[in-house]
Amino acid sequence: MSTYGSFTDQELIALLKGSDMRAFDEIYLRYADSLFKFAYSVLRAEDECRDVVQDIFVWFWQNRESLQVTSLKSYLFASVKFNLVKFVKTSKRRSEILEFVPKQQEIFEDHAMELKELTQLIREFVGELPVRAREIFELSRDQHLSNKEIALKLGISEKTVENQMTIVLKKLKVNLGRHSFLLFFV
């Protein structure tokens, strides 16, 4: 029996989609420390960093069946970056955090603007999708339903949902390719 430590990230994601807890544990062991250090470089508060990283892994587990991840490391670090932006924006320590790293305020403001632009681009893209594809995409991304839940809700096969999501995500990446500075969020 091989150890999970020898699996590639893509193999672990495939196992994770099948609710393999040991694959999830391996992903956590592989990345949690680096994610924590990255968060700590911004927040400088261990409890807050643990919360940010834990929230990402909880979300990751809850949405395992519908994950569309091509690079696990990039996906996780982009998630931390996004969550840090959200955290700092609402934190009572915002000025303290931004004062500690003077350039951080610019970075957070830039990311907030990029996020608004990305959200608008995605909204426009989704608005141009065929009705069924739009419905599947919105159920997946807005309501965070799994492929199985979407299939049951719409009375279609899970394979149809997977195929539609694959097609839509490929089209979205092409559409966003014109705005490559935003691609790391997808």
Protein backbone atom coordinates (compact mmCIF):
# COMPACT_ATOMS: atom_id res chain seq x y z
CA MET A 1 0.00 0.00 0.00
CA SER A 2 1.54 3.31 -1.08
CA THR A 3 1.64 6.31 1.18
CA TYR A 4 -0.31 9.40 0.33
CA GLY A 5 2.90 11.42 0.56
CA SER A 6 4.02 9.94 -2.74
CA PHE A 7 0.88 11.05 -4.62
CA THR A 8 0.90 14.09 -6.88
CA ASP A 9 -1.37 17.02 -6.10
CA GLN A 10 -3.64 16.02 -8.99
CA GLU A 11 -3.94 12.46 -7.65
CA LEU A 12 -4.79 13.83 -4.21
CA ILE A 13 -7.46 16.12 -5.68
CA ALA A 14 -9.02 13.17 -7.51
CA LEU A 15 -9.07 11.16 -4.27
CA LEU A 16 -10.39 14.17 -2.34
CA LYS A 17 -13.32 14.50 -4.75
CA GLY A 18 -14.22 10.95 -3.70
CA SER A 19 -14.25 12.10 -0.04
CA ASP A 20 -10.94 10.43 0.82
CA MET A 21 -10.07 11.93 4.21
CA ARG A 22 -6.46 10.70 4.02
CA ALA A 23 -5.99 12.63 0.77
CA PHE A 24 -7.35 15.74 2.52
CA ASP A 25 -4.98 15.14 5.45
CA GLU A 26 -2.04 14.89 3.04
CA ILE A 27 -3.00 18.14 1.31
CA TYR A 28 -3.25 19.79 4.72
CA LEU A 29 0.15 18.43 5.81
CA ARG A 30 1.69 19.50 2.51
CA TYR A 31 0.43 23.10 2.50
CA ALA A 32 -0.91 24.30 5.87
CA ASP A 33 2.45 25.41 7.25
CA SER A 34 3.36 27.44 4.14
CA LEU A 35 -0.09 29.00 4.05
CA PHE A 36 0.18 29.90 7.73
CA LYS A 37 3.60 31.54 7.19
CA PHE A 38 2.24 33.52 4.28
CA ALA A 39 -0.74 34.71 6.34
CA TYR A 40 1.57 35.50 9.27
CA SER A 41 3.74 37.72 7.06
CA VAL A 42 0.69 39.96 6.71
CA LEU A 43 -1.28 39.62 9.96
CA ARG A 44 1.46 38.98 12.53
CA ALA A 45 -1.08 37.28 14.81
CA GLU A 46 -0.99 33.51 15.16
CA ASP A 47 -4.66 33.02 16.12
CA GLU A 48 -5.91 35.10 13.20
CA CYS A 49 -3.60 33.26 10.79
CA ARG A 50 -4.79 29.89 12.06
CA ASP A 51 -8.39 31.03 11.54
CA VAL A 52 -7.71 32.19 7.97
CA VAL A 53 -5.97 28.93 7.06
CA GLN A 54 -8.56 26.78 8.83
CA ASP A 55 -11.40 28.58 7.01
CA ILE A 56 -9.76 27.78 3.68
CA PHE A 57 -9.39 24.08 4.48
CA VAL A 58 -12.94 23.84 5.85
CA TRP A 59 -14.26 25.41 2.65
CA PHE A 60 -11.97 23.15 0.59
CA TRP A 61 -13.37 20.01 2.26
CA GLN A 62 -16.99 21.16 2.03
CA ASN A 63 -16.64 21.89 -1.69
CA ARG A 64 -14.38 18.96 -2.58
CA GLU A 65 -16.80 17.37 -5.03
CA SER A 66 -17.09 20.45 -7.21
CA LEU A 67 -13.47 21.65 -7.14
CA GLN A 68 -11.99 22.68 -10.48
CA VAL A 69 -8.31 22.95 -9.53
CA THR A 70 -5.45 22.80 -12.01
CA SER A 71 -2.66 23.88 -9.64
CA LEU A 72 -3.33 23.04 -6.00
CA LYS A 73 -0.54 25.20 -4.59
CA SER A 74 -1.57 28.25 -6.62
CA TYR A 75 -5.23 27.69 -5.76
CA LEU A 76 -4.54 27.50 -2.03
CA PHE A 77 -2.23 30.53 -1.99
CA ALA A 78 -4.69 32.58 -4.04
CA SER A 79 -7.37 31.55 -1.54
CA VAL A 80 -5.23 32.76 1.37
CA LYS A 81 -4.51 36.01 -0.43
CA PHE A 82 -8.21 36.55 -1.14
CA ASN A 83 -9.18 35.71 2.46
CA LEU A 84 -6.48 38.02 3.82
CA VAL A 85 -7.86 40.88 1.74
CA LYS A 86 -11.36 40.19 3.10
CA PHE A 87 -10.03 39.79 6.65
CA VAL A 88 -7.99 43.01 6.65
CA LYS A 89 -10.85 44.97 5.11
CA THR A 90 -13.13 44.12 8.05
CA SER A 91 -10.55 43.79 10.82
CA LYS A 92 -10.54 46.10 13.82
CA ARG A 93 -6.75 45.91 13.47
CA ARG A 94 -6.80 47.12 9.87
CA SER A 95 -4.79 50.29 10.43
CA GLU A 96 -2.32 48.40 12.63
CA ILE A 97 -1.83 45.70 9.99
CA LEU A 98 -1.47 48.22 7.18
CA GLU A 99 0.85 50.40 9.28
CA PHE A 100 3.13 47.43 9.94
CA VAL A 101 3.61 46.88 6.26
CA PRO A 102 3.14 50.29 4.61
CA LYS A 103 2.95 48.85 1.09
CA GLN A 104 0.24 46.41 2.13
CA GLN A 105 -2.47 49.07 1.94
CA GLU A 106 -1.69 49.65 -1.72
CA ILE A 107 -1.63 45.91 -2.35
CA PHE A 108 -4.98 45.40 -0.61
CA GLU A 109 -6.55 48.32 -2.45
CA ASP A 110 -5.21 46.99 -5.76
CA HIS A 111 -6.57 43.52 -5.01
CA ALA A 112 -9.93 44.92 -3.99
CA MET A 113 -10.10 46.77 -7.33
CA GLU A 114 -8.97 43.64 -9.24
CA LEU A 115 -11.59 41.60 -7.39
CA LYS A 116 -14.33 44.08 -8.34
CA GLU A 117 -13.17 44.01 -11.96
CA LEU A 118 -13.00 40.22 -11.96
CA THR A 119 -16.46 39.95 -10.43
CA GLN A 120 -17.85 42.27 -13.10
CA LEU A 121 -16.15 40.32 -15.90
CA ILE A 122 -17.52 37.05 -14.57
CA ARG A 123 -21.03 38.54 -14.21
CA GLU A 124 -20.90 39.71 -17.82
CA PHE A 125 -19.61 36.32 -18.98
CA VAL A 126 -22.30 34.43 -17.04
CA GLY A 127 -24.97 36.72 -18.44
CA GLU A 128 -24.02 35.63 -21.97
CA LEU A 129 -24.20 31.88 -21.23
CA PRO A 130 -27.06 29.73 -22.46
CA VAL A 131 -29.80 29.45 -19.83
CA ARG A 132 -29.02 25.88 -18.64
CA ALA A 133 -25.24 26.51 -18.51
CA ARG A 134 -25.82 29.73 -16.57
CA GLU A 135 -28.11 27.94 -14.12
CA ILE A 136 -25.55 25.17 -13.52
CA PHE A 137 -22.70 27.66 -13.09
CA GLU A 138 -24.65 29.82 -10.65
CA LEU A 139 -25.75 26.82 -8.58
CA SER A 140 -22.14 25.68 -8.39
CA ARG A 141 -20.43 28.99 -7.76
CA ASP A 142 -23.04 31.14 -6.05
CA GLN A 143 -24.92 28.52 -4.02
CA HIS A 144 -21.88 26.22 -3.62
CA LEU A 145 -23.84 23.10 -4.54
CA SER A 146 -21.97 19.95 -5.50
CA ASN A 147 -22.35 18.45 -8.97
CA LYS A 148 -24.52 15.74 -7.46
CA GLU A 149 -26.80 18.29 -5.74
CA ILE A 150 -27.11 20.30 -8.96
CA ALA A 151 -27.97 17.17 -10.94
CA LEU A 152 -30.69 16.24 -8.45
CA LYS A 153 -32.09 19.77 -8.35
CA LEU A 154 -32.24 20.10 -12.15
CA GLY A 155 -33.19 16.50 -12.91
CA ILE A 156 -30.15 15.86 -15.10
CA SER A 157 -27.21 13.49 -14.83
CA GLU A 158 -24.18 14.33 -12.72
CA LYS A 159 -22.03 13.74 -15.82
CA THR A 160 -23.99 16.45 -17.67
CA VAL A 161 -23.28 18.86 -14.83
CA GLU A 162 -19.56 17.97 -14.91
CA ASN A 163 -19.42 18.40 -18.69
CA GLN A 164 -21.23 21.75 -18.55
CA MET A 165 -18.94 23.05 -15.79
CA THR A 166 -15.85 21.94 -17.70
CA ILE A 167 -17.04 23.71 -20.85
CA VAL A 168 -18.05 26.87 -19.00
CA LEU A 169 -14.79 27.06 -17.03
CA LYS A 170 -12.71 26.60 -20.18
CA LYS A 171 -14.68 29.39 -21.89
CA LEU A 172 -14.31 31.56 -18.80
CA LYS A 173 -10.53 31.09 -18.76
CA VAL A 174 -10.34 32.02 -22.46
CA ASN A 175 -12.55 35.04 -21.80
CA LEU A 176 -10.40 36.11 -18.87
CA GLY A 177 -7.22 35.45 -20.84
CA ARG A 178 -7.62 38.96 -22.19
CA HIS A 179 -7.33 40.10 -18.59
CA SER A 180 -4.48 37.83 -17.52
CA PHE A 181 -3.60 39.90 -14.47
CA LEU A 182 -6.84 38.59 -12.93
CA LEU A 183 -6.39 34.91 -13.82
CA PHE A 184 -4.74 33.89 -10.57
CA PHE A 185 -8.10 34.28 -8.80
CA VAL A 186 -9.80 31.65 -10.98
